[in-house]
Amino acid sequence: MNEEIIYSQWKVWRSWIHDILDRVTEEQADMIPAPYNNSVRWNAGHILVSVDGVVTNALGIPSQLPASYPDLFATGTSPKNWGDDVPSLDELKKFVIEQPDQLRTQIEGKLDTLLPQPFMKMTTLGEVVLFMFAHDAMHLTSMKDIRKAAIKNS
């Protein structure tokens, strides 16, 4: 597996996510238009928490994100239950762009590392990292759709 290509592609996906975050206001980032269950802000935080959780669990290393992020953005959470202490778009954009480089230093040369437990039938860190690209793409699409609906409704 060519790691340089993997990281390069990851950074492309993240640049597209960053572009969407650049095109929403703080107010639009929190809108949850029908039929969606989450907001642009939640989707951005969710992709960060998801890949961080997989990598840190597989390698037994500390999270690279603020301690509050899993409570806000993990699967099953909702912005409908948030208080006032949520990260700004600028903070999320910073992590969206920086996370691939931060995690690269942790996972470089370790993509064949076996996971402590299989994840959706995937058994190595590399398999899950590649899956996270699809996960990023899915949430990028959600963010685009939610943004369009939020603008239409505002």
N, C-alpha and C. Protein backbone atom coordinates (compact mmCIF):
# COMPACT_ATOMS: atom_id res chain seq x y z
N MET A 1 0.85 -1.17 0.00
CA MET A 1 0.00 0.00 0.00
C MET A 1 0.91 1.24 0.00
N ASN A 2 0.71 2.13 -0.96
CA ASN A 2 1.53 3.33 -1.07
C ASN A 2 1.00 4.40 -0.11
N GLU A 3 1.70 4.58 0.98
CA GLU A 3 1.25 5.50 2.02
C GLU A 3 1.19 6.94 1.54
N GLU A 4 2.11 7.34 0.69
CA GLU A 4 2.12 8.73 0.21
C GLU A 4 0.83 9.06 -0.53
N ILE A 5 0.36 8.15 -1.36
CA ILE A 5 -0.89 8.37 -2.10
C ILE A 5 -2.07 8.40 -1.13
N ILE A 6 -2.05 7.53 -0.15
CA ILE A 6 -3.13 7.50 0.84
C ILE A 6 -3.24 8.85 1.54
N TYR A 7 -2.13 9.37 2.03
CA TYR A 7 -2.17 10.64 2.75
C TYR A 7 -2.55 11.79 1.82
N SER A 8 -2.06 11.74 0.60
CA SER A 8 -2.39 12.78 -0.37
C SER A 8 -3.90 12.81 -0.65
N GLN A 9 -4.50 11.64 -0.84
CA GLN A 9 -5.94 11.58 -1.08
C GLN A 9 -6.73 12.05 0.14
N TRP A 10 -6.28 11.66 1.30
CA TRP A 10 -6.96 12.08 2.53
C TRP A 10 -6.99 13.60 2.63
N LYS A 11 -5.85 14.22 2.31
CA LYS A 11 -5.78 15.68 2.39
C LYS A 11 -6.69 16.34 1.36
N VAL A 12 -6.88 15.72 0.20
CA VAL A 12 -7.81 16.26 -0.80
C VAL A 12 -9.23 16.25 -0.24
N TRP A 13 -9.65 15.10 0.31
CA TRP A 13 -11.00 15.02 0.89
C TRP A 13 -11.17 16.08 1.98
N ARG A 14 -10.17 16.21 2.82
CA ARG A 14 -10.28 17.18 3.91
C ARG A 14 -10.30 18.61 3.39
N SER A 15 -9.62 18.90 2.29
CA SER A 15 -9.68 20.26 1.74
C SER A 15 -11.09 20.56 1.23
N TRP A 16 -11.78 19.58 0.70
CA TRP A 16 -13.15 19.78 0.24
C TRP A 16 -14.09 20.01 1.42
N ILE A 17 -13.85 19.29 2.50
CA ILE A 17 -14.66 19.50 3.71
C ILE A 17 -14.40 20.90 4.26
N HIS A 18 -13.15 21.31 4.29
CA HIS A 18 -12.78 22.64 4.75
C HIS A 18 -13.49 23.70 3.90
N ASP A 19 -13.56 23.48 2.59
CA ASP A 19 -14.23 24.44 1.70
C ASP A 19 -15.71 24.60 2.07
N ILE A 20 -16.38 23.51 2.39
CA ILE A 20 -17.79 23.60 2.81
C ILE A 20 -17.89 24.40 4.10
N LEU A 21 -17.00 24.13 5.04
CA LEU A 21 -17.04 24.86 6.31
C LEU A 21 -16.77 26.35 6.10
N ASP A 22 -15.98 26.67 5.10
CA ASP A 22 -15.71 28.08 4.78
C ASP A 22 -16.95 28.78 4.22
N ARG A 23 -17.89 28.01 3.68
CA ARG A 23 -19.05 28.59 3.02
C ARG A 23 -20.30 28.63 3.89
N VAL A 24 -20.17 28.27 5.17
CA VAL A 24 -21.32 28.38 6.07
C VAL A 24 -21.01 29.38 7.17
N THR A 25 -22.05 30.04 7.63
CA THR A 25 -21.90 30.92 8.78
C THR A 25 -22.02 30.08 10.05
N GLU A 26 -21.66 30.67 11.18
CA GLU A 26 -21.83 29.97 12.46
C GLU A 26 -23.30 29.56 12.64
N GLU A 27 -24.21 30.45 12.26
CA GLU A 27 -25.64 30.16 12.40
C GLU A 27 -26.07 29.01 11.49
N GLN A 28 -25.65 29.05 10.22
CA GLN A 28 -26.00 27.98 9.29
C GLN A 28 -25.40 26.64 9.71
N ALA A 29 -24.25 26.69 10.33
CA ALA A 29 -23.57 25.46 10.75
C ALA A 29 -24.37 24.68 11.78
N ASP A 30 -25.27 25.35 12.48
CA ASP A 30 -26.06 24.68 13.51
C ASP A 30 -27.50 24.39 13.10
N MET A 31 -27.88 24.79 11.90
CA MET A 31 -29.24 24.50 11.45
C MET A 31 -29.40 23.01 11.15
N ILE A 32 -30.56 22.48 11.51
CA ILE A 32 -30.88 21.08 11.24
C ILE A 32 -32.18 21.07 10.43
N PRO A 33 -32.07 21.32 9.13
CA PRO A 33 -33.28 21.37 8.32
C PRO A 33 -33.85 19.97 8.09
N ALA A 34 -35.17 19.89 7.96
CA ALA A 34 -35.81 18.62 7.65
C ALA A 34 -35.30 18.17 6.29
N PRO A 35 -35.05 16.93 6.10
CA PRO A 35 -35.29 15.76 6.94
C PRO A 35 -34.05 15.30 7.72
N TYR A 36 -33.08 16.18 7.94
CA TYR A 36 -31.81 15.80 8.54
C TYR A 36 -31.89 15.72 10.06
N ASN A 37 -31.01 14.90 10.64
CA ASN A 37 -30.96 14.73 12.10
C ASN A 37 -29.82 15.51 12.73
N ASN A 38 -28.88 15.97 11.91
CA ASN A 38 -27.70 16.64 12.43
C ASN A 38 -27.37 17.86 11.59
N SER A 39 -26.39 18.60 12.05
CA SER A 39 -26.00 19.86 11.42
C SER A 39 -24.65 19.72 10.70
N VAL A 40 -24.29 20.76 9.97
CA VAL A 40 -22.97 20.81 9.34
C VAL A 40 -21.89 20.71 10.41
N ARG A 41 -22.05 21.45 11.50
CA ARG A 41 -21.04 21.43 12.57
C ARG A 41 -20.88 20.01 13.13
N TRP A 42 -22.01 19.33 13.36
CA TRP A 42 -21.94 17.98 13.91
C TRP A 42 -21.21 17.05 12.93
N ASN A 43 -21.52 17.13 11.66
CA ASN A 43 -20.87 16.27 10.67
C ASN A 43 -19.36 16.49 10.64
N ALA A 44 -18.94 17.74 10.72
CA ALA A 44 -17.51 18.05 10.71
C ALA A 44 -16.82 17.46 11.94
N GLY A 45 -17.43 17.65 13.10
CA GLY A 45 -16.85 17.08 14.32
C GLY A 45 -16.88 15.56 14.32
N HIS A 46 -17.93 15.01 13.74
CA HIS A 46 -18.07 13.55 13.71
C HIS A 46 -16.95 12.87 12.92
N ILE A 47 -16.57 13.45 11.77
CA ILE A 47 -15.50 12.82 11.01
C ILE A 47 -14.18 12.86 11.78
N LEU A 48 -13.98 13.95 12.53
CA LEU A 48 -12.77 14.06 13.35
C LEU A 48 -12.73 12.99 14.43
N VAL A 49 -13.84 12.87 15.14
CA VAL A 49 -13.92 11.92 16.26
C VAL A 49 -13.81 10.48 15.76
N SER A 50 -14.43 10.20 14.63
CA SER A 50 -14.43 8.83 14.11
C SER A 50 -13.03 8.33 13.79
N VAL A 51 -12.29 9.08 13.00
CA VAL A 51 -10.96 8.62 12.62
C VAL A 51 -10.01 8.66 13.82
N ASP A 52 -10.14 9.67 14.67
CA ASP A 52 -9.31 9.74 15.86
C ASP A 52 -9.54 8.52 16.75
N GLY A 53 -10.80 8.15 16.92
CA GLY A 53 -11.11 7.01 17.77
C GLY A 53 -10.55 5.71 17.23
N VAL A 54 -10.66 5.50 15.93
CA VAL A 54 -10.16 4.27 15.32
C VAL A 54 -8.64 4.19 15.46
N VAL A 55 -7.96 5.27 15.12
CA VAL A 55 -6.50 5.27 15.15
C VAL A 55 -5.97 5.15 16.58
N THR A 56 -6.50 5.94 17.49
CA THR A 56 -5.99 5.91 18.86
C THR A 56 -6.28 4.57 19.53
N ASN A 57 -7.43 3.98 19.22
CA ASN A 57 -7.76 2.66 19.77
C ASN A 57 -6.83 1.59 19.21
N ALA A 58 -6.59 1.63 17.91
CA ALA A 58 -5.73 0.62 17.28
C ALA A 58 -4.30 0.70 17.78
N LEU A 59 -3.80 1.90 18.03
CA LEU A 59 -2.40 2.07 18.42
C LEU A 59 -2.20 2.26 19.91
N GLY A 60 -3.29 2.37 20.67
CA GLY A 60 -3.17 2.56 22.11
C GLY A 60 -2.51 3.88 22.47
N ILE A 61 -2.86 4.93 21.73
CA ILE A 61 -2.28 6.24 21.98
C ILE A 61 -3.38 7.20 22.42
N PRO A 62 -3.02 8.33 23.04
CA PRO A 62 -4.04 9.29 23.46
C PRO A 62 -4.70 9.99 22.26
N SER A 63 -5.91 10.41 22.47
CA SER A 63 -6.64 11.16 21.46
C SER A 63 -5.91 12.44 21.12
N GLN A 64 -6.04 12.85 19.88
CA GLN A 64 -5.44 14.09 19.41
C GLN A 64 -6.44 15.26 19.48
N LEU A 65 -7.65 14.98 19.99
CA LEU A 65 -8.73 15.97 20.02
C LEU A 65 -9.06 16.39 21.45
N PRO A 66 -9.72 17.53 21.61
CA PRO A 66 -10.18 17.93 22.95
C PRO A 66 -11.08 16.85 23.56
N ALA A 67 -11.02 16.72 24.86
CA ALA A 67 -11.76 15.67 25.58
C ALA A 67 -13.27 15.78 25.39
N SER A 68 -13.79 16.97 25.12
CA SER A 68 -15.23 17.16 24.96
C SER A 68 -15.77 16.64 23.62
N TYR A 69 -14.92 16.43 22.65
CA TYR A 69 -15.38 16.09 21.30
C TYR A 69 -16.20 14.80 21.21
N PRO A 70 -15.80 13.70 21.83
CA PRO A 70 -16.63 12.49 21.71
C PRO A 70 -18.04 12.69 22.24
N ASP A 71 -18.20 13.43 23.33
CA ASP A 71 -19.54 13.68 23.87
C ASP A 71 -20.40 14.51 22.93
N LEU A 72 -19.78 15.30 22.09
CA LEU A 72 -20.51 16.14 21.14
C LEU A 72 -20.74 15.46 19.79
N PHE A 73 -19.76 14.67 19.34
CA PHE A 73 -19.74 14.25 17.94
C PHE A 73 -19.72 12.74 17.68
N ALA A 74 -19.67 11.92 18.70
CA ALA A 74 -19.64 10.47 18.46
C ALA A 74 -20.96 10.00 17.86
N THR A 75 -20.94 8.85 17.25
CA THR A 75 -22.16 8.25 16.72
C THR A 75 -23.20 8.18 17.82
N GLY A 76 -24.42 8.59 17.50
CA GLY A 76 -25.51 8.57 18.46
C GLY A 76 -25.71 9.87 19.21
N THR A 77 -24.77 10.82 19.05
CA THR A 77 -24.95 12.13 19.68
C THR A 77 -25.76 13.03 18.75
N SER A 78 -26.21 14.14 19.30
CA SER A 78 -27.01 15.06 18.50
C SER A 78 -26.79 16.49 18.96
N PRO A 79 -26.72 17.42 18.02
CA PRO A 79 -26.61 18.82 18.40
C PRO A 79 -27.85 19.32 19.14
N LYS A 80 -28.94 18.58 19.06
CA LYS A 80 -30.15 18.95 19.79
C LYS A 80 -29.93 18.87 21.30
N ASN A 81 -28.90 18.15 21.72
CA ASN A 81 -28.61 17.97 23.14
C ASN A 81 -27.42 18.80 23.62
N TRP A 82 -26.89 19.66 22.77
CA TRP A 82 -25.73 20.45 23.13
C TRP A 82 -26.10 21.63 24.01
N GLY A 83 -25.13 22.05 24.81
CA GLY A 83 -25.23 23.30 25.55
C GLY A 83 -24.58 24.39 24.72
N ASP A 84 -24.01 25.36 25.39
CA ASP A 84 -23.38 26.49 24.71
C ASP A 84 -21.91 26.26 24.39
N ASP A 85 -21.31 25.23 24.95
CA ASP A 85 -19.88 25.02 24.81
C ASP A 85 -19.55 24.08 23.65
N VAL A 86 -19.68 24.60 22.43
CA VAL A 86 -19.35 23.82 21.24
C VAL A 86 -18.20 24.51 20.52
N PRO A 87 -17.39 23.75 19.81
CA PRO A 87 -16.27 24.37 19.12
C PRO A 87 -16.73 25.27 17.97
N SER A 88 -16.00 26.32 17.74
CA SER A 88 -16.29 27.24 16.64
C SER A 88 -15.97 26.56 15.31
N LEU A 89 -16.50 27.14 14.25
CA LEU A 89 -16.15 26.64 12.92
C LEU A 89 -14.65 26.75 12.67
N ASP A 90 -14.05 27.83 13.13
CA ASP A 90 -12.60 27.99 12.93
C ASP A 90 -11.82 26.87 13.60
N GLU A 91 -12.24 26.49 14.80
CA GLU A 91 -11.56 25.39 15.49
C GLU A 91 -11.73 24.08 14.72
N LEU A 92 -12.95 23.81 14.28
CA LEU A 92 -13.19 22.58 13.52
C LEU A 92 -12.41 22.58 12.20
N LYS A 93 -12.38 23.72 11.51
CA LYS A 93 -11.63 23.80 10.26
C LYS A 93 -10.15 23.51 10.48
N LYS A 94 -9.63 24.01 11.57
CA LYS A 94 -8.21 23.77 11.90
C LYS A 94 -7.96 22.28 12.07
N PHE A 95 -8.81 21.61 12.82
CA PHE A 95 -8.63 20.16 13.02
C PHE A 95 -8.86 19.38 11.72
N VAL A 96 -9.84 19.79 10.92
CA VAL A 96 -10.11 19.10 9.65
C VAL A 96 -8.86 19.10 8.77
N ILE A 97 -8.18 20.22 8.71
CA ILE A 97 -6.98 20.32 7.87
C ILE A 97 -5.76 19.68 8.52
N GLU A 98 -5.61 19.83 9.82
CA GLU A 98 -4.40 19.35 10.50
C GLU A 98 -4.42 17.87 10.86
N GLN A 99 -5.60 17.28 11.02
CA GLN A 99 -5.68 15.90 11.50
C GLN A 99 -4.92 14.90 10.63
N PRO A 100 -5.02 14.95 9.30
CA PRO A 100 -4.25 13.97 8.52
C PRO A 100 -2.76 14.00 8.80
N ASP A 101 -2.17 15.19 8.90
CA ASP A 101 -0.74 15.27 9.19
C ASP A 101 -0.43 14.82 10.62
N GLN A 102 -1.28 15.19 11.57
CA GLN A 102 -1.06 14.77 12.96
C GLN A 102 -1.12 13.25 13.08
N LEU A 103 -2.12 12.65 12.48
CA LEU A 103 -2.25 11.21 12.60
C LEU A 103 -1.23 10.47 11.75
N ARG A 104 -0.81 11.10 10.65
CA ARG A 104 0.20 10.46 9.82
C ARG A 104 1.46 10.17 10.63
N THR A 105 1.85 11.10 11.48
CA THR A 105 3.05 10.87 12.29
C THR A 105 2.87 9.67 13.22
N GLN A 106 1.62 9.39 13.58
CA GLN A 106 1.34 8.26 14.47
C GLN A 106 1.22 6.93 13.72
N ILE A 107 0.70 6.97 12.49
CA ILE A 107 0.39 5.72 11.79
C ILE A 107 1.36 5.36 10.68
N GLU A 108 2.26 6.26 10.33
CA GLU A 108 3.19 5.98 9.24
C GLU A 108 3.95 4.68 9.50
N GLY A 109 3.92 3.81 8.50
CA GLY A 109 4.58 2.52 8.61
C GLY A 109 3.82 1.50 9.44
N LYS A 110 2.62 1.84 9.89
CA LYS A 110 1.86 0.95 10.77
C LYS A 110 0.51 0.54 10.18
N LEU A 111 0.32 0.74 8.88
CA LEU A 111 -0.99 0.45 8.30
C LEU A 111 -1.35 -1.04 8.33
N ASP A 112 -0.35 -1.89 8.50
CA ASP A 112 -0.62 -3.33 8.60
C ASP A 112 -0.89 -3.76 10.04
N THR A 113 -0.91 -2.81 10.97
CA THR A 113 -1.19 -3.13 12.38
C THR A 113 -2.58 -3.72 12.52
N LEU A 114 -2.65 -4.85 13.23
CA LEU A 114 -3.94 -5.47 13.47
C LEU A 114 -4.74 -4.66 14.48
N LEU A 115 -6.02 -4.54 14.23
CA LEU A 115 -6.91 -3.86 15.16
C LEU A 115 -7.13 -4.72 16.39
N PRO A 116 -7.36 -4.11 17.56
CA PRO A 116 -7.65 -4.91 18.76
C PRO A 116 -8.89 -5.79 18.56
N GLN A 117 -9.85 -5.27 17.80
CA GLN A 117 -11.05 -6.02 17.42
C GLN A 117 -11.40 -5.64 16.00
N PRO A 118 -11.89 -6.58 15.19
CA PRO A 118 -12.30 -6.21 13.84
C PRO A 118 -13.36 -5.11 13.86
N PHE A 119 -13.31 -4.26 12.86
CA PHE A 119 -14.28 -3.18 12.70
C PHE A 119 -14.95 -3.39 11.36
N MET A 120 -16.23 -3.76 11.39
CA MET A 120 -16.99 -4.02 10.17
C MET A 120 -16.23 -4.97 9.24
N LYS A 121 -15.68 -6.04 9.80
CA LYS A 121 -14.92 -7.08 9.11
C LYS A 121 -13.53 -6.63 8.66
N MET A 122 -13.14 -5.41 8.97
CA MET A 122 -11.79 -4.94 8.66
C MET A 122 -10.90 -5.30 9.83
N THR A 123 -9.68 -5.71 9.52
CA THR A 123 -8.80 -6.20 10.59
C THR A 123 -7.51 -5.40 10.76
N THR A 124 -7.19 -4.53 9.80
CA THR A 124 -5.95 -3.75 9.93
C THR A 124 -6.24 -2.25 9.97
N LEU A 125 -5.30 -1.53 10.51
CA LEU A 125 -5.41 -0.07 10.58
C LEU A 125 -5.54 0.53 9.18
N GLY A 126 -4.79 0.03 8.22
CA GLY A 126 -4.85 0.53 6.86
C GLY A 126 -6.22 0.36 6.24
N GLU A 127 -6.85 -0.77 6.47
CA GLU A 127 -8.19 -1.00 5.93
C GLU A 127 -9.17 0.02 6.50
N VAL A 128 -9.06 0.29 7.78
CA VAL A 128 -9.98 1.24 8.41
C VAL A 128 -9.68 2.67 7.97
N VAL A 129 -8.42 3.01 7.80
CA VAL A 129 -8.08 4.35 7.32
C VAL A 129 -8.69 4.57 5.94
N LEU A 130 -8.59 3.58 5.06
CA LEU A 130 -9.21 3.71 3.74
C LEU A 130 -10.72 3.83 3.85
N PHE A 131 -11.32 3.08 4.76
CA PHE A 131 -12.76 3.19 4.99
C PHE A 131 -13.12 4.61 5.43
N MET A 132 -12.26 5.23 6.21
CA MET A 132 -12.54 6.58 6.71
C MET A 132 -12.60 7.60 5.57
N PHE A 133 -11.94 7.33 4.44
CA PHE A 133 -12.09 8.21 3.28
C PHE A 133 -13.53 8.19 2.80
N ALA A 134 -14.10 7.00 2.71
CA ALA A 134 -15.51 6.88 2.29
C ALA A 134 -16.41 7.54 3.32
N HIS A 135 -16.07 7.40 4.58
CA HIS A 135 -16.83 8.02 5.66
C HIS A 135 -16.77 9.55 5.53
N ASP A 136 -15.57 10.09 5.27
CA ASP A 136 -15.43 11.52 5.03
C ASP A 136 -16.30 11.96 3.85
N ALA A 137 -16.27 11.18 2.76
CA ALA A 137 -17.04 11.52 1.57
C ALA A 137 -18.53 11.51 1.85
N MET A 138 -19.00 10.54 2.61
CA MET A 138 -20.41 10.46 2.95
C MET A 138 -20.84 11.70 3.74
N HIS A 139 -20.03 12.07 4.72
CA HIS A 139 -20.37 13.24 5.54
C HIS A 139 -20.17 14.55 4.78
N LEU A 140 -19.24 14.58 3.82
CA LEU A 140 -19.10 15.75 2.96
C LEU A 140 -20.40 15.97 2.18
N THR A 141 -20.94 14.89 1.64
CA THR A 141 -22.21 14.98 0.91
C THR A 141 -23.32 15.47 1.84
N SER A 142 -23.38 14.94 3.04
CA SER A 142 -24.39 15.39 4.00
C SER A 142 -24.24 16.87 4.30
N MET A 143 -23.00 17.32 4.50
CA MET A 143 -22.77 18.74 4.79
C MET A 143 -23.22 19.62 3.63
N LYS A 144 -22.93 19.20 2.41
CA LYS A 144 -23.37 19.98 1.24
C LYS A 144 -24.89 20.07 1.20
N ASP A 145 -25.55 18.93 1.40
CA ASP A 145 -27.02 18.90 1.34
C ASP A 145 -27.65 19.71 2.48
N ILE A 146 -27.11 19.58 3.67
CA ILE A 146 -27.64 20.33 4.80
C ILE A 146 -27.43 21.83 4.58
N ARG A 147 -26.27 22.20 4.06
CA ARG A 147 -25.98 23.61 3.78
C ARG A 147 -27.01 24.17 2.79
N LYS A 148 -27.27 23.44 1.71
CA LYS A 148 -28.24 23.90 0.72
C LYS A 148 -29.62 24.09 1.36
N ALA A 149 -30.03 23.11 2.14
CA ALA A 149 -31.34 23.18 2.79
C ALA A 149 -31.39 24.32 3.81
N ALA A 150 -30.31 24.54 4.53
CA ALA A 150 -30.25 25.61 5.52
C ALA A 150 -30.36 26.98 4.84
N ILE A 151 -29.66 27.15 3.73
CA ILE A 151 -29.71 28.42 3.00
C ILE A 151 -31.11 28.63 2.44
N LYS A 152 -31.69 27.59 1.90
CA LYS A 152 -33.04 27.69 1.35
C LYS A 152 -34.06 28.07 2.42
N ASN A 153 -33.87 27.57 3.63
CA ASN A 153 -34.82 27.82 4.72
C ASN A 153 -34.55 29.10 5.49
N SER A 154 -33.42 29.75 5.23
CA SER A 154 -33.10 30.96 6.01
C SER A 154 -33.50 32.23 5.32
